[in-house]
Every structure is written in C-alpha cells, then in structure tokens.
Protein backbone atom coordinates (compact mmCIF):
# COMPACT_ATOMS: atom_id res chain seq x y z
CA UNK A 1 0.58 -9.66 22.47
CA UNK A 2 3.61 -11.82 23.10
CA UNK A 3 2.84 -14.33 20.39
CA UNK A 4 2.82 -11.75 17.57
CA UNK A 5 5.98 -11.65 15.39
CA UNK A 6 6.98 -8.06 16.21
CA UNK A 7 6.25 -8.14 19.95
CA UNK A 8 8.90 -6.21 21.87
CA UNK A 9 9.64 -3.77 19.06
CA UNK A 10 9.11 -0.08 19.92
CA UNK A 11 8.51 2.40 17.09
CA UNK A 12 8.28 6.17 17.43
CA UNK A 13 5.94 7.33 14.67
CA UNK A 14 6.15 10.97 13.55
CA UNK A 15 4.37 10.35 10.24
CA UNK A 16 1.20 11.99 8.98
CA UNK A 17 -1.51 11.54 6.35
CA UNK A 18 -1.41 8.13 4.55
CA UNK A 19 1.95 6.51 3.65
CA UNK A 20 3.68 6.46 7.03
CA UNK A 21 0.64 5.95 9.26
CA UNK A 22 -0.63 2.99 7.22
CA UNK A 23 2.84 1.42 7.18
CA UNK A 24 3.38 1.79 10.92
CA UNK A 25 -0.16 0.52 11.54
CA UNK A 26 0.67 -2.72 9.74
CA UNK A 27 3.73 -3.09 11.97
CA UNK A 28 1.50 -2.43 14.98
CA UNK A 29 -0.96 -5.06 13.75
CA UNK A 30 1.90 -7.58 13.86
CA UNK A 31 2.77 -6.75 17.46
CA UNK A 32 5.05 -3.70 17.47
CA UNK A 33 4.39 -1.00 20.05
CA UNK A 34 3.83 2.09 17.90
CA UNK A 35 3.74 5.47 19.64
CA UNK A 36 2.12 8.05 17.39
CA UNK A 37 3.69 11.40 18.25
CA UNK A 38 1.82 14.57 17.29
CA UNK A 39 2.52 18.24 17.90
CA UNK A 40 -0.25 19.83 20.03
CA UNK A 41 -0.67 22.73 17.58
CA UNK A 42 -0.22 20.68 14.40
CA UNK A 43 -1.66 17.18 14.83
CA UNK A 44 -1.92 14.76 11.93
CA UNK A 45 -3.94 16.64 9.24
CA UNK A 46 -5.83 13.48 8.38
CA UNK A 47 -7.81 13.96 11.60
CA UNK A 48 -9.69 16.75 9.80
CA UNK A 49 -10.58 14.70 6.70
CA UNK A 50 -14.24 13.66 6.30
CA UNK A 51 -16.18 11.45 6.63
CA UNK A 52 -16.44 11.28 10.41
CA UNK A 53 -17.46 8.54 12.80
CA UNK A 54 -18.21 9.46 16.40
CA UNK A 55 -16.44 12.79 15.98
CA UNK A 56 -13.27 11.21 14.56
CA UNK A 57 -12.09 11.12 10.97
CA UNK A 58 -12.79 7.68 9.49
CA UNK A 59 -9.49 7.94 7.61
CA UNK A 60 -7.60 8.59 10.85
CA UNK A 61 -9.31 5.58 12.43
CA UNK A 62 -8.46 3.38 9.43
CA UNK A 63 -4.73 4.27 9.36
CA UNK A 64 -3.92 4.32 13.08
CA UNK A 65 -5.40 1.36 14.92
CA UNK A 66 -3.30 -0.53 17.49
CA UNK A 67 -1.19 2.56 18.28
CA UNK A 68 -0.63 4.71 21.36
CA UNK A 69 -0.97 8.50 21.11
CA UNK A 70 1.51 10.99 22.58
CA UNK A 71 1.12 14.76 22.35
CA UNK A 72 4.57 16.33 22.36
CA UNK A 73 5.83 19.78 21.37
CA UNK A 74 9.08 18.52 19.87
CA UNK A 75 9.95 22.04 18.71
CA UNK A 76 10.44 23.20 22.33
CA UNK A 77 13.58 22.54 24.39
CA UNK A 78 11.65 20.37 26.85
CA UNK A 79 9.92 18.48 24.05
CA UNK A 80 13.20 17.81 22.22
CA UNK A 81 14.76 16.51 25.42
CA UNK A 82 11.80 14.19 26.00
CA UNK A 83 11.91 12.95 22.40
CA UNK A 84 15.63 12.15 22.63
CA UNK A 85 14.97 10.33 25.89
CA UNK A 86 12.24 8.34 24.15
CA UNK A 87 14.73 7.44 21.41
CA UNK A 88 16.90 5.76 24.05
CA UNK A 89 13.99 3.37 24.71
CA UNK A 90 13.09 2.77 21.06
CA UNK A 91 14.13 0.51 18.21
CA UNK A 92 12.82 2.55 15.29
CA UNK A 93 11.93 6.13 14.42
CA UNK A 94 9.75 6.71 11.35
CA UNK A 95 9.35 10.23 9.98
CA UNK A 96 7.82 11.76 6.88
CA UNK A 97 9.02 15.39 6.84
CA UNK A 98 10.97 17.01 4.02
CA UNK A 99 14.72 16.34 4.16
CA UNK A 100 16.50 18.37 6.81
CA UNK A 101 13.43 19.50 8.77
CA UNK A 102 14.17 17.39 11.83
CA UNK A 103 17.90 18.09 11.58
CA UNK A 104 17.14 21.77 12.11
CA UNK A 105 15.26 20.86 15.30
CA UNK A 106 18.15 18.73 16.56
CA UNK A 107 16.09 15.56 16.11
CA UNK A 108 17.52 14.14 12.88
CA UNK A 109 19.36 10.87 12.48
CA UNK A 110 22.70 12.20 13.77
CA UNK A 111 21.09 13.39 16.99
CA UNK A 112 19.16 10.14 17.37
CA UNK A 113 22.26 8.02 16.79
CA UNK A 114 24.19 10.04 19.35
CA UNK A 115 21.82 8.86 22.11
CA UNK A 116 21.12 5.38 20.72
CA UNK A 117 23.59 3.86 18.28
CA UNK A 118 21.19 0.97 17.62
CA UNK A 119 18.33 3.19 16.44
CA UNK A 120 16.81 2.50 13.02
CA UNK A 121 15.74 5.83 11.54
CA UNK A 122 13.39 5.52 8.57
CA UNK A 123 12.68 8.63 6.49
CA UNK A 124 9.79 8.44 4.02
CA UNK A 125 9.65 11.20 1.39
CA UNK A 126 8.41 11.68 -2.14
CA UNK A 127 11.79 12.01 -3.85
CA UNK A 128 14.36 10.89 -1.27
CA UNK A 129 17.02 12.59 0.82
CA UNK A 130 19.20 13.42 -2.20
CA UNK A 131 18.83 14.67 -5.76
CA UNK A 132 17.55 17.88 -7.38
CA UNK A 133 13.92 17.10 -6.49
CA UNK A 134 14.55 16.22 -2.82
CA UNK A 135 12.89 19.36 -1.44
CA UNK A 136 10.07 19.62 -3.95
CA UNK A 137 6.42 19.27 -2.98
CA UNK A 138 4.49 16.30 -4.26
CA UNK A 139 1.74 13.76 -3.75
CA UNK A 140 0.93 10.29 -5.03
CA UNK A 141 -0.05 11.44 -8.52
CA UNK A 142 3.24 13.34 -8.92
CA UNK A 143 5.31 10.33 -7.88
CA UNK A 144 3.58 7.82 -10.18
CA UNK A 145 3.82 10.36 -13.00
CA UNK A 146 7.54 10.88 -12.52
CA UNK A 147 8.17 7.16 -12.06
CA UNK A 148 6.66 6.26 -15.44
CA UNK A 149 3.71 4.35 -13.99
CA UNK A 150 1.03 6.94 -14.82
CA UNK A 151 2.07 7.14 -18.46
CA UNK A 152 1.26 3.44 -18.90
CA UNK A 153 -2.14 3.64 -17.21
CA UNK A 154 -5.22 4.03 -19.35
CA UNK A 155 -6.52 3.20 -22.83
CA UNK A 156 -4.39 3.41 -25.94
CA UNK A 157 -6.59 6.10 -27.49
CA UNK A 158 -6.83 8.39 -24.48
CA UNK A 159 -4.80 10.32 -21.89
CA UNK A 160 -3.32 8.68 -18.79
CA UNK A 161 -5.93 7.66 -16.23
CA UNK A 162 -5.66 8.61 -12.57
CA UNK A 163 -5.31 5.26 -10.74
CA UNK A 164 -8.19 4.22 -8.50
CA UNK A 165 -5.86 3.71 -5.52
CA UNK A 166 -2.77 5.46 -4.15
CA UNK A 167 0.01 3.39 -5.71
CA UNK A 168 3.04 5.42 -4.63
CA UNK A 169 1.71 6.20 -1.17
CA UNK A 170 0.92 2.59 -0.31
CA UNK A 171 3.02 0.32 -2.55
CA UNK A 172 5.95 2.74 -2.52
CA UNK A 173 5.50 4.25 0.94
CA UNK A 174 3.59 2.08 3.40
CA UNK A 175 4.84 -1.31 2.19
CA UNK A 176 8.43 -0.25 1.56
CA UNK A 177 8.50 1.43 4.97
CA UNK A 178 7.78 -1.95 6.52
CA UNK A 179 10.34 -3.75 4.36
CA UNK A 180 12.96 -1.09 5.13
CA UNK A 181 12.34 -1.36 8.86
CA UNK A 182 12.61 -5.13 8.94
CA UNK A 183 15.68 -5.23 6.68
CA UNK A 184 17.48 -2.67 8.86
CA UNK A 185 16.53 -4.56 12.01
CA UNK A 186 17.98 -7.76 10.55
CA UNK A 187 21.18 -5.91 9.65
CA UNK A 188 21.36 -4.55 13.20
CA UNK A 189 21.04 -8.07 14.53
CA UNK A 190 24.25 -8.94 12.67
CA UNK A 191 26.23 -5.73 13.33
CA UNK A 192 24.76 -4.25 16.48
CA UNK A 193 24.49 -0.90 14.69
CA UNK A 194 21.48 1.07 13.62
CA UNK A 195 21.25 3.10 10.44
CA UNK A 196 19.30 5.71 8.49
CA UNK A 197 17.02 4.28 5.79
CA UNK A 198 15.97 6.56 2.92
CA UNK A 199 12.58 5.54 1.46
CA UNK A 200 11.69 7.63 -1.61
CA UNK A 201 8.19 6.87 -2.83
CA UNK A 202 9.14 7.67 -6.43
CA UNK A 203 11.99 5.14 -6.27
CA UNK A 204 9.91 2.61 -4.39
CA UNK A 205 7.02 2.60 -6.86
CA UNK A 206 9.33 1.94 -9.82
CA UNK A 207 9.49 -1.87 -9.31
CA UNK A 208 5.88 -1.83 -10.50
CA UNK A 209 7.45 -1.22 -13.92
CA UNK A 210 9.30 -4.55 -13.85
CA UNK A 211 7.49 -6.02 -16.88
CA UNK A 212 7.11 -2.97 -19.17
CA UNK A 213 10.55 -1.57 -18.44
CA UNK A 214 12.15 -4.93 -19.17
CA UNK A 215 10.38 -4.97 -22.53
CA UNK A 216 11.68 -1.48 -23.28
CA UNK A 217 15.22 -2.30 -22.13
CA UNK A 218 15.33 -5.43 -24.27
CA UNK A 219 13.83 -3.97 -27.46
CA UNK A 220 14.50 -0.23 -27.30
CA UNK A 221 10.82 0.31 -28.14
CA UNK A 222 8.86 2.55 -25.75
CA UNK A 223 5.57 0.77 -24.91
CA UNK A 224 2.35 2.71 -25.38
CA UNK A 225 -0.33 2.52 -22.74
CA UNK A 226 -3.14 0.15 -23.57
CA UNK A 227 -0.95 -1.97 -25.85
CA UNK A 228 1.15 -4.01 -23.44
CA UNK A 229 0.09 -7.65 -23.09
CA UNK A 230 -0.99 -7.30 -19.46
CA UNK A 231 -2.62 -3.88 -19.78
CA UNK A 232 -4.89 -3.90 -22.81
CA UNK A 233 -2.83 -5.54 -25.53
CA UNK A 234 -4.53 -8.96 -25.38
CA UNK A 235 -8.17 -9.78 -25.99
CA UNK A 236 -8.01 -12.88 -23.78
CA UNK A 237 -6.68 -10.88 -20.82
CA UNK A 238 -9.04 -8.05 -20.07
CA UNK A 239 -12.22 -6.76 -18.46
CA UNK A 240 -15.61 -7.27 -20.10
CA UNK A 241 -19.11 -5.96 -19.38
CA UNK A 242 -21.87 -8.47 -18.67
CA UNK A 243 -25.63 -8.47 -19.11
CA UNK A 244 -27.58 -6.45 -16.53
CA UNK A 245 -24.46 -4.57 -15.42
CA UNK A 246 -21.24 -5.65 -13.78
CA UNK A 247 -17.93 -6.79 -15.19
CA UNK A 248 -15.72 -9.86 -15.21
CA UNK A 249 -11.95 -10.17 -15.42
CA UNK A 250 -10.83 -12.68 -18.03
CA UNK A 251 -7.27 -13.86 -17.30
CA UNK A 252 -6.76 -16.74 -19.73
CA UNK A 253 -3.07 -16.06 -20.37
CA UNK A 254 -1.89 -19.66 -20.64
CA UNK A 255 -2.89 -21.55 -23.81
CA UNK A 256 -4.46 -24.34 -21.74
CA UNK A 257 -6.91 -21.93 -20.13
CA UNK A 258 -7.69 -20.18 -23.39
CA UNK A 259 -8.30 -23.49 -25.12
CA UNK A 260 -10.59 -24.61 -22.30
CA UNK A 261 -12.50 -21.32 -22.47
CA UNK A 262 -12.96 -21.55 -26.24
CA UNK A 263 -14.11 -25.15 -26.05
CA UNK A 264 -16.69 -24.45 -23.35
CA UNK A 265 -18.15 -21.35 -25.00
CA UNK A 266 -18.25 -23.34 -28.25
CA UNK A 267 -15.93 -21.01 -30.12
CA UNK A 268 -13.16 -23.35 -31.33
CA UNK A 269 -12.27 -20.89 -34.09
CA UNK A 270 -11.02 -18.45 -31.41
CA UNK A 271 -8.19 -20.76 -30.35
CA UNK A 272 -5.93 -19.42 -33.08
CA UNK A 273 -6.59 -15.79 -32.14
CA UNK A 274 -4.44 -15.46 -29.01
CA UNK A 275 -1.96 -13.26 -30.92
CA UNK A 276 -3.80 -11.22 -33.57
CA UNK A 277 -1.58 -10.12 -36.45
CA UNK A 278 -2.39 -6.41 -36.20
CA UNK A 279 -4.28 -3.78 -34.19
CA UNK A 280 -7.34 -4.02 -36.40
CA UNK A 281 -7.65 -7.78 -35.84
CA UNK A 282 -7.17 -7.28 -32.10
CA UNK A 283 -9.92 -4.64 -31.96
CA UNK A 284 -12.29 -6.85 -33.95
CA UNK A 285 -11.54 -9.85 -31.73
CA UNK A 286 -12.19 -7.80 -28.57
CA UNK A 287 -15.57 -6.80 -29.97
CA UNK A 288 -16.48 -10.45 -30.54
CA UNK A 289 -15.49 -11.45 -27.02
CA UNK A 290 -17.33 -8.44 -25.56
CA UNK A 291 -20.48 -9.47 -27.43
CA UNK A 292 -20.26 -12.94 -25.90
CA UNK A 293 -19.90 -11.69 -22.33
CA UNK A 294 -22.81 -9.29 -22.83
CA UNK A 295 -25.15 -12.29 -23.31
CA UNK A 296 -25.03 -13.44 -19.66
CA UNK A 297 -24.91 -11.89 -16.21
CA UNK A 298 -21.79 -11.53 -14.11
CA UNK A 299 -22.98 -14.23 -11.70
CA UNK A 300 -23.55 -16.69 -14.52
CA UNK A 301 -20.07 -16.05 -15.92
CA UNK A 302 -18.55 -16.35 -12.44
CA UNK A 303 -20.17 -19.75 -11.97
CA UNK A 304 -19.02 -20.73 -15.46
CA UNK A 305 -15.43 -19.90 -14.54
CA UNK A 306 -15.61 -21.95 -11.36
CA UNK A 307 -17.23 -24.90 -13.13
CA UNK A 308 -14.49 -25.10 -15.75
CA UNK A 309 -11.50 -24.05 -13.58
CA UNK A 310 -10.89 -20.86 -15.50
CA UNK A 311 -9.25 -17.59 -14.39
CA UNK A 312 -12.56 -15.78 -14.81
CA UNK A 313 -13.67 -13.75 -11.80
CA UNK A 314 -16.11 -10.96 -10.97
CA UNK A 315 -14.96 -7.36 -10.71
CA UNK A 316 -16.31 -6.52 -7.26
CA UNK A 317 -17.47 -3.14 -6.03
CA UNK A 318 -16.41 -2.12 -2.52
CA UNK A 319 -19.84 -2.86 -1.03
CA UNK A 320 -19.51 -6.47 -2.22
CA UNK A 321 -16.16 -7.30 -0.62
CA UNK A 322 -17.42 -8.34 2.80
CA UNK A 323 -19.86 -10.84 1.22
CA UNK A 324 -17.27 -12.61 -0.91
CA UNK A 325 -16.54 -16.06 0.59
CA UNK A 326 -12.80 -15.87 -0.07
CA UNK A 327 -12.45 -12.49 1.61
CA UNK A 328 -14.67 -13.68 4.46
CA UNK A 329 -12.58 -16.80 5.01
CA UNK A 330 -9.38 -14.77 5.03
CA UNK A 331 -10.89 -12.30 7.51
CA UNK A 332 -9.85 -9.32 5.40
CA UNK A 333 -12.71 -7.06 6.49
CA UNK A 334 -12.84 -6.39 10.22
CA UNK A 335 -14.96 -4.00 12.28
CA UNK A 336 -12.80 -1.99 14.66
CA UNK A 337 -14.35 0.65 16.88
CA UNK A 338 -17.54 0.61 14.81
CA UNK A 339 -15.71 1.12 11.49
CA UNK A 340 -15.24 -1.58 8.86
CA UNK A 341 -11.55 -1.73 7.98
CA UNK A 342 -9.12 -3.68 5.81
CA UNK A 343 -7.41 -6.18 8.09
CA UNK A 344 -3.72 -7.08 8.32
CA UNK A 345 -2.86 -8.96 5.10
CA UNK A 346 -0.36 -11.56 6.39
CA UNK A 347 -1.07 -14.81 8.24
CA UNK A 348 1.63 -16.35 10.48
CA UNK A 349 1.42 -20.05 11.31
CA UNK A 350 3.11 -19.63 14.71
CA UNK A 351 1.11 -16.56 15.74
CA UNK A 352 -2.50 -15.92 16.52
CA UNK A 353 -4.38 -13.35 14.50
CA UNK A 354 -3.82 -9.82 15.82
CA UNK A 355 -6.38 -8.19 18.08
CA UNK A 356 -7.38 -4.88 16.58
CA UNK A 357 -7.76 -1.91 18.94
CA UNK A 358 -9.34 1.33 17.73
CA UNK A 359 -7.09 4.26 16.87
CA UNK A 360 -6.41 6.30 20.02
CA UNK A 361 -7.92 9.65 20.84
CA UNK A 362 -5.48 12.54 20.41
CA UNK A 363 -3.00 12.37 23.29
CA UNK A 364 -4.80 9.48 24.99
CA UNK A 365 -1.56 7.86 26.18
CA UNK A 366 0.51 10.97 26.90
CA UNK A 367 0.42 10.73 30.70
CA UNK A 368 1.10 6.99 30.73
CA UNK A 369 4.04 7.24 28.32
CA UNK A 370 5.61 10.14 30.22
CA UNK A 371 5.26 8.19 33.50
CA UNK A 372 6.97 5.22 31.89
CA UNK A 373 9.72 7.47 30.57
CA UNK A 374 10.30 9.01 34.01
CA UNK A 375 10.90 5.56 35.43
CA UNK A 376 13.06 4.33 32.57
C-alpha cells in the first residue's frame, strides 16, 4: 500500500523460527515488501510447530503475515545465482544463521555488496559476529541468562524464574532488527552506501538492565532479585491477589498516588510506610496490603482505581485481552486468515492502518517472483 511508511522497501528474509520472522513481519505490516526465502528441503522449522490451523502451524501464521514466499535452493549454483540477482533488486537482506554460514555459500555480506553496494545486510544471532561465544548454540533463555536479566527475575527467596515471554528473541531480536534496518537505511540515505549490521540478541537485551545496572554501577552493590524497587522491593508497587481469584497491579510509585490510595482505603497510617526501614517491616507491610486486596474482587478494585485516578489495573489473562476496551480501541487483536493475532503496535498519523494478509503457503509466490526477476 502506497500510503504505508515503508512502501517501496524490498527485504529478502532468510530468517527462521521467531526473532527474525517476527521482526520482518512488523516491517511488512508497515508496508515493506518482504520475500520469505526458504530452502525446499529445509523450510522454516516453525512450520512444524503445533498447534495447527487449516493444516498450517499457528505460530508460522502469526509470525509471517503480509509476506511473499519464495522456495529457493540457495546452496545450488543456480540458486546462488538467482539469490544474488535478487539482491540487486533489494534494499535489505535479513539472515539468522550462525556467523560464516552464508559466507561459505558465497552469499555473505561481501558477496552481496559486490553486486549491490547499497544493500543493507542485517545478521541476527545469539552472541554476535565476534567474540568467543559467536559460534555457540543458544536460545532465548541462554541469552537472558548471560545478559544478567534472568538473574534478576523472580522472588528474593527462590531461584530465577523463566520469563513468561521471549525477552531476548523479541526485545533483543525482533525489535532491534527493525531498529537496525531503519538506522542503516537512514545512514545510506546520507552516504549512498549500504553496510553490514550485527544484531546480537545477548547485547540487544542488555538495555533492559538500564535501571538495575545503573544502581550497581553507582553503588558497587550487586542487586538481589526480588529486592529492587521496581521488581519486588516496594510494597506499594507490586501484584496482589483479590477475592474470588484474579490479581491487580498496584503501581503507586509517586507519593501523590500513594497518598490518594491510602486516603481512599481509609489507611492514613500507611502513608509513612513507602520506605520501610528493614526487610522485616517490608514483609509485614506487604502482608497488610495483601489482606486488604483480598477483601474485594478484581473488578471492584479496577473500578476503584478508575474512580480515584490511581495506577491500579487488572492483571489480564490472554483470553481477556480482546474484551478490554483499551485494547479494542487500539485494534491490537486482529483476526487474520481465521487466526487471532497481535496487530502492528505503531500508529502513523499520515498513514492508514495496514491491511493484514495471511502468511503465504510454502512457495506460493515462487513463480511470480522468478518471472519478475527474469524481466528485471
């Protein structure tokens, strides 16, 4: 669609599984033409992941909408020649193999640059193109563990908790892939030259440590999980169980909100307890607050928060998202090809909302793309 911000941008997508495909899908949502290239004998493994919808993996459908699909044996001489010809027509290549794999095939950045000096070549890996870990195997849990994020996740009296979402894959891979692509494109606009961008998910997830690492750097004291102010160290900033099940998130960080909360729950004596003197006082104070929240249902507390303009919100389960009025208004759940999906998260004032097309069948656009390439 011509009115979308990335219309006219062509991306060759060699990525697989989650980080790369989700990142390139977001770029496709915003108007880029993304050609998903898969080897006939080794297509994207996510296609085999259950559950299935209409014979297709739901995960594949959720990570690959708005793309075109090209089957290409890029390990053969003919396939390599076709891929290099495609690079002449493209703006960006995104790949997710271990360092050096595509170089051995004659399809790495040097080969791409030789046929198109303006090409942006984005490599997404766990540990980056350099360093002693560059060729090691890994997944999301390994990257957040090595980055220091996992060690801060969980209660103070227990082991690290496995996060409920893929932090390194998405925050470090998918999102940083998009940022890397757009930054390199802007640089090319100034210089006329493309470049190779090295996205290491371990590196890219480390900005999530901005607050705790700053505390460590300033004090020399290593924070313990469950004790930092924003992750368990404050009674007035936490999650509490309600009557009849369900939880609420209490985010009364600023004194004005805490004062308003205390006044309206008729607990004026709590106003002086924002910073308990020791761990025992903190634990006792959390028990008192928990007892209060257990007296009413989640819906009652949610209405209470709205009535008094408090940062007090429900903790929603996934089956509740589509019924939340804020999420509905923002259009963040869309049905594409019969599957409910998370929609593109940005809104552009000068662009219409993207039209979502289902993820393509394997090789669905091969003939059309090769015809276009023959006439290029």
